[in-house]
Amino acid sequence: MKGSFNAVELIRSKRDGHAHSAADIANLIRHFTAGAVTDYQMSAWLMAAYLRGLNDGETVALTQAMLHSGKVLKLASITAVKVDKHSTGGVGDKISLCLAPMVAACGVAVPMISGRGLGHTGGTLDKLEAIAGYRVELDAKRFERVVREVGVSMIGQSRELAPADRRMYALRDVTATVECIPLIVASILSKKLAEGIDGLVLDVKVGRGAFMKDVKSARALARALVRVGHRAGKRVIALLTDMSAPIGRTIGNALETREAIEVLRGTGPADTRELTLTLGAEMLVLAGAERTLPAARIRCERALSDGSAFERFTRMVKAHGGDTRMVENPERLPSAKAKLRVLAPRAGFIRACDPYALGLACVALGAGRTRADQAVDPSAGIELCAQRGDHVRRGQPIAVMHARSKGLVESEAARVISAFEISAAEPTARRVVLERISR
């Protein structure tokens, strides 16, 4: 590209602790996207940013530059307020599947661009693809039409949306610069703002199974996301939610899809249902559909109980080419050939249920991936027969492992057993939502 832009000077400036102007950052991303800034130069800048940090102004500028590195959806034909939700990732996190259609049934448009699982955390797209025929890749015109007609569409990130983020994340992943709050904020918000949304509810996980292991770091990330989102002109709130144990009673794609359908039908595990209703109420208030959280929650509960949320999910699956028979009869979802019951080694209360260990076991069973290009087995995973706080007898089933072969389930049995801590004392009740951050 023509011009006087000098990547080396920008790298040196950040290395020495100086702040960039918005124009500097816009030039960096524009030249990187065009190929004039090499991957090794961008890697050097990312490390400098990781070590020296970015202030809020720089983070906003980076978010905007990454956002405008590709196509930004306008969704002009959709008159309803458009609100999305983003989770920072966890184990057993099937919330989007029941949340998005429930909110759509309450009159709020939900254009949701989701991701795939990587490592011990699962991904919404993999769960949706457990439904035969479901297409996660729609062009912008089809995506807008589905949101307009159904009220909700859940797709993957196309190459047109925030392409700079895709390339930069790949570099961060191999240069140990992932754990940088400003870079995380810009990555999340550039993709979400590209959807053309009016508001965003953030589910920032904290605990053993989350990216952020402690409340202090999760709070810092949530506050940065909210601040930068506000400065970008969007309505944004964040909830810190517990990830010291898996969400619900299933981990794995078809298993979690089945559980989400249970919630959409008005049942399902209490913690899955609670988090769905809590996030849904926030989305309704953010959209202006209700004035108070209690009123919004009642409206969400009604959508689950009267079947309208389930109906929206079924319509969305049909619009994406999915087999709605699997929605109406979840027993049709992929089922594993090999299953193994894990038994409690002693009697007592489940004091802890390590989501990280169970997430890794699911990856080994075939439900997850360690590289982005790996396929997953939709039938693989773990069903939890007991959760934190439950009392179990010696020899009682506490989990059922699912995989394509007997050898796989047997190889991970010891890791699954070790994930459960059983003690004589009953643990304190687990709080699903730890904190709410609105500014």
Protein backbone atom coordinates (compact mmCIF):
# COMPACT_ATOMS: atom_id res chain seq x y z
CA MET A 1 0.00 0.00 0.00
CA LYS A 2 1.10 3.52 -0.66
CA GLY A 3 1.76 6.00 2.12
CA SER A 4 4.25 6.77 4.85
CA PHE A 5 3.03 4.20 7.40
CA ASN A 6 5.92 2.60 9.29
CA ALA A 7 5.06 -0.55 11.23
CA VAL A 8 8.46 -0.70 12.92
CA GLU A 9 8.01 2.76 14.43
CA LEU A 10 4.57 1.79 15.74
CA ILE A 11 5.96 -1.40 17.30
CA ARG A 12 8.80 0.56 18.88
CA SER A 13 6.40 3.19 20.22
CA LYS A 14 4.24 0.59 21.96
CA ARG A 15 7.30 -1.33 23.15
CA ASP A 16 8.46 1.85 24.88
CA GLY A 17 5.09 2.38 26.56
CA HIS A 18 3.60 5.15 24.44
CA ALA A 19 -0.08 5.41 23.54
CA HIS A 20 -1.22 5.21 19.93
CA SER A 21 -3.59 7.60 18.24
CA ALA A 22 -6.79 6.24 16.68
CA ALA A 23 -5.28 6.97 13.27
CA ASP A 24 -2.17 4.94 14.09
CA ILE A 25 -4.27 1.91 15.05
CA ALA A 26 -6.57 2.27 12.04
CA ASN A 27 -3.50 2.37 9.78
CA LEU A 28 -2.00 -0.68 11.46
CA ILE A 29 -5.12 -2.79 10.95
CA ARG A 30 -5.73 -1.52 7.42
CA HIS A 31 -2.15 -2.30 6.32
CA PHE A 32 -2.22 -5.68 8.10
CA THR A 33 -5.47 -6.68 6.36
CA ALA A 34 -4.00 -5.62 3.02
CA GLY A 35 -0.81 -7.64 3.61
CA ALA A 36 1.53 -4.66 3.93
CA VAL A 37 2.17 -5.49 7.60
CA THR A 38 3.56 -9.00 7.94
CA ASP A 39 2.44 -11.64 10.45
CA TYR A 40 5.76 -11.36 12.29
CA GLN A 41 5.37 -7.60 12.59
CA MET A 42 1.82 -7.95 13.90
CA SER A 43 3.04 -10.62 16.34
CA ALA A 44 5.66 -8.17 17.62
CA TRP A 45 3.03 -5.46 18.07
CA LEU A 46 0.69 -7.88 19.86
CA MET A 47 3.44 -8.79 22.31
CA ALA A 48 4.22 -5.11 22.89
CA ALA A 49 0.50 -4.46 23.53
CA TYR A 50 0.35 -7.47 25.84
CA LEU A 51 3.30 -6.22 27.90
CA ARG A 52 2.57 -2.47 27.84
CA GLY A 53 -1.23 -2.52 27.65
CA LEU A 54 -3.75 -0.41 25.75
CA ASN A 55 -5.85 2.35 27.30
CA ASP A 56 -9.60 2.64 26.71
CA GLY A 57 -9.14 5.03 23.80
CA GLU A 58 -6.72 2.65 22.09
CA THR A 59 -9.03 -0.31 22.77
CA VAL A 60 -12.01 1.52 21.25
CA ALA A 61 -9.90 2.44 18.22
CA LEU A 62 -8.69 -1.15 17.84
CA THR A 63 -12.25 -2.47 18.14
CA GLN A 64 -13.50 -0.05 15.49
CA ALA A 65 -10.60 -0.78 13.15
CA MET A 66 -11.12 -4.54 13.44
CA LEU A 67 -14.88 -4.10 13.05
CA HIS A 68 -14.45 -2.12 9.82
CA SER A 69 -11.79 -4.48 8.42
CA GLY A 70 -14.69 -6.32 6.80
CA LYS A 71 -18.41 -6.14 6.24
CA VAL A 72 -20.68 -4.63 8.91
CA LEU A 73 -24.24 -5.89 8.80
CA LYS A 74 -26.96 -3.24 8.88
CA LEU A 75 -30.06 -5.48 9.11
CA ALA A 76 -32.06 -2.47 7.94
CA SER A 77 -35.22 -4.45 7.22
CA ILE A 78 -35.52 -5.57 10.85
CA THR A 79 -37.54 -3.02 12.82
CA ALA A 80 -37.37 -4.79 16.20
CA VAL A 81 -34.60 -3.89 18.63
CA LYS A 82 -31.67 -6.25 18.07
CA VAL A 83 -29.88 -7.68 21.13
CA ASP A 84 -27.33 -10.48 21.36
CA LYS A 85 -25.59 -12.34 24.15
CA HIS A 86 -21.96 -13.44 24.33
CA SER A 87 -20.41 -15.95 26.71
CA THR A 88 -16.68 -16.07 27.38
CA GLY A 89 -16.92 -19.88 27.30
CA GLY A 90 -17.43 -22.69 29.74
CA VAL A 91 -18.22 -26.37 30.21
CA GLY A 92 -21.77 -27.52 29.56
CA ASP A 93 -22.69 -24.03 28.31
CA LYS A 94 -25.69 -24.71 26.10
CA ILE A 95 -27.45 -21.52 27.20
CA SER A 96 -27.53 -19.80 23.79
CA LEU A 97 -29.65 -22.59 22.32
CA CYS A 98 -32.50 -22.01 24.76
CA LEU A 99 -31.90 -18.30 25.42
CA ALA A 100 -31.98 -16.88 21.89
CA PRO A 101 -35.35 -18.39 20.81
CA MET A 102 -36.89 -17.57 24.20
CA VAL A 103 -35.93 -13.89 23.83
CA ALA A 104 -37.14 -13.87 20.21
CA ALA A 105 -40.50 -15.23 21.40
CA CYS A 106 -40.71 -12.14 23.62
CA GLY A 107 -40.44 -9.80 20.63
CA VAL A 108 -36.72 -8.96 20.61
CA ALA A 109 -34.68 -9.77 17.49
CA VAL A 110 -31.63 -11.94 18.18
CA PRO A 111 -29.00 -12.01 15.40
CA MET A 112 -26.38 -14.31 16.94
CA ILE A 113 -22.97 -15.11 15.49
CA SER A 114 -21.41 -17.93 17.48
CA GLY A 115 -18.24 -19.98 17.54
CA ARG A 116 -16.99 -23.55 17.75
CA GLY A 117 -15.54 -25.29 20.75
CA LEU A 118 -11.80 -25.36 21.30
CA GLY A 119 -9.96 -27.07 24.13
CA HIS A 120 -12.05 -27.81 27.20
CA THR A 121 -14.80 -25.29 26.33
CA GLY A 122 -17.70 -26.15 24.04
CA GLY A 123 -19.11 -24.18 21.11
CA THR A 124 -22.65 -23.29 20.10
CA LEU A 125 -22.11 -24.15 16.42
CA ASP A 126 -21.08 -27.72 17.23
CA LYS A 127 -24.24 -28.18 19.29
CA LEU A 128 -26.44 -26.85 16.48
CA GLU A 129 -24.72 -29.12 13.96
CA ALA A 130 -25.74 -32.13 16.07
CA ILE A 131 -29.11 -31.47 14.37
CA ALA A 132 -28.84 -33.08 10.93
CA GLY A 133 -28.83 -30.56 8.08
CA TYR A 134 -28.49 -27.41 10.21
CA ARG A 135 -26.46 -24.88 8.20
CA VAL A 136 -24.35 -22.52 10.28
CA GLU A 137 -23.05 -20.70 7.20
CA LEU A 138 -25.60 -18.28 5.72
CA ASP A 139 -24.84 -15.27 3.57
CA ALA A 140 -25.74 -11.86 4.97
CA LYS A 141 -28.97 -11.59 2.96
CA ARG A 142 -30.27 -14.98 4.13
CA PHE A 143 -29.21 -14.27 7.73
CA GLU A 144 -31.17 -11.01 7.73
CA ARG A 145 -34.22 -12.72 6.25
CA VAL A 146 -34.24 -15.45 8.91
CA VAL A 147 -33.92 -12.88 11.71
CA ARG A 148 -36.71 -10.81 10.16
CA GLU A 149 -39.09 -13.74 9.64
CA VAL A 150 -38.29 -15.94 12.65
CA GLY A 151 -36.85 -13.40 15.11
CA VAL A 152 -33.63 -15.33 15.65
CA SER A 153 -30.80 -16.80 13.60
CA MET A 154 -27.64 -18.45 14.91
CA ILE A 155 -24.70 -18.70 12.49
CA GLY A 156 -20.91 -18.81 12.42
CA GLN A 157 -18.57 -15.95 11.65
CA SER A 158 -18.14 -15.55 7.91
CA ARG A 159 -14.89 -14.51 6.27
CA GLU A 160 -16.49 -11.15 5.50
CA LEU A 161 -17.02 -10.19 9.16
CA ALA A 162 -14.07 -8.77 11.13
CA PRO A 163 -11.41 -10.61 9.09
CA ALA A 164 -8.61 -8.81 10.96
CA ASP A 165 -9.80 -10.44 14.19
CA ARG A 166 -9.60 -13.93 12.70
CA ARG A 167 -6.00 -13.43 11.59
CA MET A 168 -4.93 -11.66 14.76
CA TYR A 169 -6.47 -14.32 17.01
CA ALA A 170 -4.56 -17.01 15.13
CA LEU A 171 -1.35 -15.11 15.87
CA ARG A 172 -2.26 -14.52 19.51
CA ASP A 173 -2.92 -18.21 19.95
CA VAL A 174 0.65 -19.15 18.96
CA THR A 175 2.50 -16.20 20.52
CA ALA A 176 1.18 -16.42 24.12
CA THR A 177 -0.70 -13.12 23.83
CA VAL A 178 -4.26 -14.40 24.31
CA GLU A 179 -4.52 -13.36 27.98
CA CYS A 180 -4.61 -9.60 27.38
CA ILE A 181 -7.83 -7.82 28.37
CA PRO A 182 -7.74 -5.03 25.73
CA LEU A 183 -7.08 -7.57 22.97
CA ILE A 184 -9.86 -9.83 24.28
CA VAL A 185 -12.26 -6.88 24.39
CA ALA A 186 -11.47 -5.80 20.84
CA SER A 187 -11.78 -9.37 19.58
CA ILE A 188 -15.18 -9.99 21.20
CA LEU A 189 -16.73 -6.61 20.41
CA SER A 190 -15.50 -6.33 16.83
CA LYS A 191 -17.31 -9.57 15.96
CA LYS A 192 -20.45 -8.73 17.92
CA LEU A 193 -20.77 -5.16 16.61
CA ALA A 194 -20.42 -6.51 13.06
CA GLU A 195 -23.84 -8.16 13.58
CA GLY A 196 -25.59 -4.79 13.48
CA ILE A 197 -26.94 -5.13 17.03
CA ASP A 198 -28.33 -2.39 19.29
CA GLY A 199 -27.37 -4.04 22.57
CA LEU A 200 -25.29 -6.84 24.06
CA VAL A 201 -25.51 -8.88 27.25
CA LEU A 202 -22.21 -10.45 28.28
CA ASP A 203 -21.91 -13.65 30.29
CA VAL A 204 -18.40 -13.50 31.75
CA LYS A 205 -17.57 -16.88 33.26
CA VAL A 206 -15.36 -17.17 36.33
CA GLY A 207 -13.92 -20.27 37.95
CA ARG A 208 -12.04 -23.48 37.30
CA GLY A 209 -13.75 -24.17 33.96
CA ALA A 210 -13.52 -20.59 32.67
CA PHE A 211 -10.89 -18.52 30.90
CA MET A 212 -10.90 -16.14 33.89
CA LYS A 213 -10.19 -18.19 37.02
CA ASP A 214 -10.85 -15.55 39.69
CA VAL A 215 -13.47 -12.85 40.29
CA LYS A 216 -10.94 -10.00 40.17
CA SER A 217 -9.75 -10.77 36.63
CA ALA A 218 -13.28 -11.59 35.42
CA ARG A 219 -14.54 -8.29 36.83
CA ALA A 220 -11.74 -6.39 35.08
CA LEU A 221 -12.64 -8.02 31.76
CA ALA A 222 -16.37 -7.37 32.23
CA ARG A 223 -15.84 -3.72 33.12
CA ALA A 224 -13.58 -3.20 30.11
CA LEU A 225 -16.12 -4.83 27.78
CA VAL A 226 -18.94 -2.66 29.13
CA ARG A 227 -16.91 0.57 28.98
CA VAL A 228 -15.68 0.01 25.45
CA GLY A 229 -19.11 -1.17 24.30
CA HIS A 230 -20.68 2.02 25.66
CA ARG A 231 -18.04 4.15 23.95
CA ALA A 232 -18.87 2.35 20.71
CA GLY A 233 -22.46 3.58 21.12
CA LYS A 234 -24.09 0.31 22.19
CA ARG A 235 -26.16 -0.71 25.22
CA VAL A 236 -24.07 -3.25 27.12
CA ILE A 237 -24.26 -4.99 30.49
CA ALA A 238 -22.28 -7.92 31.89
CA LEU A 239 -22.96 -10.66 34.40
CA LEU A 240 -20.22 -12.58 36.18
CA THR A 241 -21.44 -16.18 36.35
CA ASP A 242 -20.07 -19.20 38.16
CA MET A 243 -18.02 -21.79 36.28
CA SER A 244 -16.71 -23.77 39.26
CA ALA A 245 -18.91 -26.65 38.04
CA PRO A 246 -20.46 -27.58 34.69
CA ILE A 247 -23.75 -25.95 33.69
CA GLY A 248 -26.62 -28.43 33.81
CA ARG A 249 -26.29 -32.19 33.59
CA THR A 250 -24.72 -32.68 30.16
CA ILE A 251 -21.40 -31.97 28.44
CA GLY A 252 -21.13 -32.77 24.74
CA ASN A 253 -22.92 -31.59 21.64
CA ALA A 254 -25.99 -33.79 21.08
CA LEU A 255 -26.37 -34.26 24.84
CA GLU A 256 -26.38 -30.50 25.45
CA THR A 257 -28.75 -29.87 22.54
CA ARG A 258 -31.16 -32.36 24.11
CA GLU A 259 -30.93 -30.53 27.45
CA ALA A 260 -31.54 -27.15 25.79
CA ILE A 261 -34.68 -28.56 24.16
CA GLU A 262 -35.86 -29.71 27.61
CA VAL A 263 -35.52 -26.12 28.86
CA LEU A 264 -37.38 -24.81 25.82
CA ARG A 265 -40.17 -27.24 26.69
CA GLY A 266 -40.45 -25.83 30.21
CA THR A 267 -38.35 -28.38 32.12
CA GLY A 268 -34.59 -29.04 32.28
CA PRO A 269 -32.03 -28.72 35.11
CA ALA A 270 -32.61 -25.88 37.56
CA ASP A 271 -29.25 -24.16 36.98
CA THR A 272 -29.57 -24.24 33.16
CA ARG A 273 -33.08 -22.82 33.41
CA GLU A 274 -32.04 -20.17 35.97
CA LEU A 275 -29.17 -18.83 33.88
CA THR A 276 -31.36 -18.81 30.75
CA LEU A 277 -34.07 -16.79 32.50
CA THR A 278 -31.60 -14.40 34.15
CA LEU A 279 -29.79 -13.56 30.91
CA GLY A 280 -33.10 -13.39 29.04
CA ALA A 281 -34.52 -10.85 31.48
CA GLU A 282 -31.41 -8.68 31.01
CA MET A 283 -31.81 -8.84 27.23
CA LEU A 284 -35.46 -7.79 27.39
CA VAL A 285 -34.72 -4.82 29.64
CA LEU A 286 -31.76 -3.78 27.48
CA ALA A 287 -34.06 -3.87 24.44
CA GLY A 288 -36.73 -1.82 26.21
CA ALA A 289 -39.24 -4.65 25.91
CA GLU A 290 -39.77 -4.52 29.70
CA ARG A 291 -38.90 -1.84 32.25
CA THR A 292 -37.88 -4.07 35.16
CA LEU A 293 -35.99 -7.34 35.50
CA PRO A 294 -38.80 -9.06 37.50
CA ALA A 295 -41.34 -8.24 34.79
CA ALA A 296 -38.93 -9.37 32.09
CA ARG A 297 -38.31 -12.65 33.90
CA ILE A 298 -42.04 -13.35 34.12
CA ARG A 299 -42.32 -12.75 30.38
CA CYS A 300 -39.44 -15.15 29.70
CA GLU A 301 -40.97 -17.80 31.97
CA ARG A 302 -44.22 -17.49 30.02
CA ALA A 303 -42.38 -18.04 26.72
CA LEU A 304 -40.96 -21.30 28.07
CA SER A 305 -44.22 -22.51 29.62
CA ASP A 306 -46.57 -21.67 26.74
CA GLY A 307 -44.42 -23.31 24.05
CA SER A 308 -43.63 -20.14 22.11
CA ALA A 309 -39.87 -20.37 22.79
CA PHE A 310 -39.80 -24.00 21.60
CA GLU A 311 -41.79 -22.99 18.52
CA ARG A 312 -39.23 -20.28 17.65
CA PHE A 313 -36.38 -22.76 17.97
CA THR A 314 -38.15 -25.23 15.69
CA ARG A 315 -38.79 -22.51 13.11
CA MET A 316 -35.15 -21.40 13.23
CA VAL A 317 -33.90 -24.96 12.74
CA LYS A 318 -36.22 -25.36 9.73
CA ALA A 319 -35.07 -22.03 8.25
CA HIS A 320 -31.46 -23.24 8.52
CA GLY A 321 -32.23 -26.53 6.77
CA GLY A 322 -32.17 -28.63 9.93
CA ASP A 323 -34.20 -31.77 10.57
CA THR A 324 -37.00 -30.58 12.86
CA ARG A 325 -37.85 -34.21 13.70
CA MET A 326 -34.74 -34.16 15.90
CA VAL A 327 -36.14 -31.14 17.74
CA GLU A 328 -39.60 -32.62 18.16
CA ASN A 329 -38.14 -36.00 19.16
CA PRO A 330 -34.64 -35.47 20.66
CA GLU A 331 -34.11 -39.23 20.84
CA ARG A 332 -33.34 -38.94 17.12
CA LEU A 333 -30.21 -36.87 17.90
CA PRO A 334 -26.89 -38.71 17.50
CA SER A 335 -26.36 -41.40 20.15
CA ALA A 336 -23.05 -42.96 21.16
CA LYS A 337 -22.35 -46.64 20.55
CA ALA A 338 -20.38 -47.07 23.78
CA LYS A 339 -21.50 -45.95 27.23
CA LEU A 340 -19.92 -46.46 30.62
CA ARG A 341 -21.40 -45.66 34.03
CA VAL A 342 -19.04 -44.07 36.55
CA LEU A 343 -19.86 -45.09 40.13
CA ALA A 344 -19.32 -43.18 43.37
CA PRO A 345 -16.34 -44.67 45.23
CA ARG A 346 -17.82 -43.71 48.60
CA ALA A 347 -20.96 -42.25 50.15
CA GLY A 348 -21.30 -38.54 50.88
CA PHE A 349 -22.03 -35.17 49.34
CA ILE A 350 -20.63 -34.05 45.98
CA ARG A 351 -18.47 -31.22 47.27
CA ALA A 352 -16.91 -30.32 43.93
CA CYS A 353 -17.27 -31.32 40.29
CA ASP A 354 -14.24 -30.12 38.34
CA PRO A 355 -15.44 -28.66 35.02
CA TYR A 356 -11.92 -28.39 33.60
CA ALA A 357 -11.18 -32.10 34.11
CA LEU A 358 -14.56 -33.08 32.69
CA GLY A 359 -14.06 -30.75 29.72
CA LEU A 360 -10.71 -32.34 28.94
CA ALA A 361 -12.24 -35.80 29.27
CA CYS A 362 -14.93 -34.81 26.76
CA VAL A 363 -12.26 -33.66 24.31
CA ALA A 364 -10.57 -37.04 24.64
CA LEU A 365 -13.91 -38.80 24.11
CA GLY A 366 -14.31 -36.92 20.81
CA ALA A 367 -16.75 -34.18 21.82
CA GLY A 368 -14.16 -31.38 21.50
CA ARG A 369 -11.06 -30.41 19.60
CA THR A 370 -7.52 -29.25 20.31
CA ARG A 371 -7.08 -27.69 16.84
CA ALA A 372 -9.58 -25.54 14.97
CA ASP A 373 -9.55 -27.86 11.94
CA GLN A 374 -10.53 -31.01 13.86
CA ALA A 375 -13.96 -32.62 13.51
CA VAL A 376 -16.02 -33.58 16.55
CA ASP A 377 -18.22 -36.57 17.35
CA PRO A 378 -21.68 -35.11 18.08
CA SER A 379 -22.70 -38.15 20.13
CA ALA A 380 -19.72 -38.05 22.52
CA GLY A 381 -19.82 -36.51 25.97
CA ILE A 382 -20.71 -36.98 29.62
CA GLU A 383 -24.04 -37.04 31.43
CA LEU A 384 -23.88 -36.04 35.08
CA CYS A 385 -26.11 -38.18 37.30
CA ALA A 386 -25.10 -36.13 40.35
CA GLN A 387 -24.14 -32.47 40.75
CA ARG A 388 -22.49 -30.37 43.41
CA GLY A 389 -24.49 -30.58 46.64
CA ASP A 390 -26.17 -33.92 45.86
CA HIS A 391 -25.83 -36.80 48.33
CA VAL A 392 -24.74 -40.11 46.79
CA ARG A 393 -24.40 -43.67 48.01
CA ARG A 394 -21.31 -45.81 47.42
CA GLY A 395 -21.70 -47.50 44.04
CA GLN A 396 -24.36 -45.05 42.85
CA PRO A 397 -23.89 -43.78 39.25
CA ILE A 398 -22.53 -40.24 39.25
CA ALA A 399 -21.87 -39.95 35.50
CA VAL A 400 -22.35 -41.76 32.20
CA MET A 401 -19.64 -41.45 29.56
CA HIS A 402 -20.55 -41.55 25.85
CA ALA A 403 -18.15 -42.27 22.96
CA ARG A 404 -17.85 -44.23 19.73
CA SER A 405 -15.86 -47.09 21.27
CA LYS A 406 -15.50 -49.01 24.52
CA GLY A 407 -11.78 -48.28 24.58
CA LEU A 408 -12.36 -44.52 24.60
CA VAL A 409 -14.77 -44.50 27.53
CA GLU A 410 -12.58 -46.87 29.54
CA SER A 411 -9.47 -44.73 28.92
CA GLU A 412 -11.12 -41.63 30.46
CA ALA A 413 -12.93 -43.27 33.39
CA ALA A 414 -10.22 -42.48 35.94
CA ARG A 415 -10.15 -38.79 34.97
CA VAL A 416 -13.94 -38.54 35.27
CA ILE A 417 -13.97 -40.20 38.70
CA SER A 418 -11.21 -37.88 39.94
CA ALA A 419 -13.28 -34.83 38.89
CA PHE A 420 -15.78 -35.56 41.68
CA GLU A 421 -14.85 -34.66 45.25
CA ILE A 422 -17.06 -36.45 47.79
CA SER A 423 -17.11 -35.45 51.47
CA ALA A 424 -19.22 -35.98 54.59
CA ALA A 425 -20.06 -32.27 54.88
CA GLU A 426 -22.73 -30.72 52.70
CA PRO A 427 -21.30 -27.81 50.64
CA THR A 428 -22.79 -24.34 50.66
CA ALA A 429 -25.32 -23.54 47.94
CA ARG A 430 -23.84 -22.52 44.60
CA ARG A 431 -24.71 -19.05 43.25
CA VAL A 432 -25.19 -18.96 39.49
CA VAL A 433 -24.82 -15.17 39.11
CA LEU A 434 -22.01 -13.58 41.10
CA GLU A 435 -22.18 -9.94 40.04
CA ARG A 436 -23.87 -7.54 37.62
CA ILE A 437 -21.81 -4.83 35.88
CA SER A 438 -23.48 -2.03 33.95
CA ARG A 439 -20.70 0.57 33.75
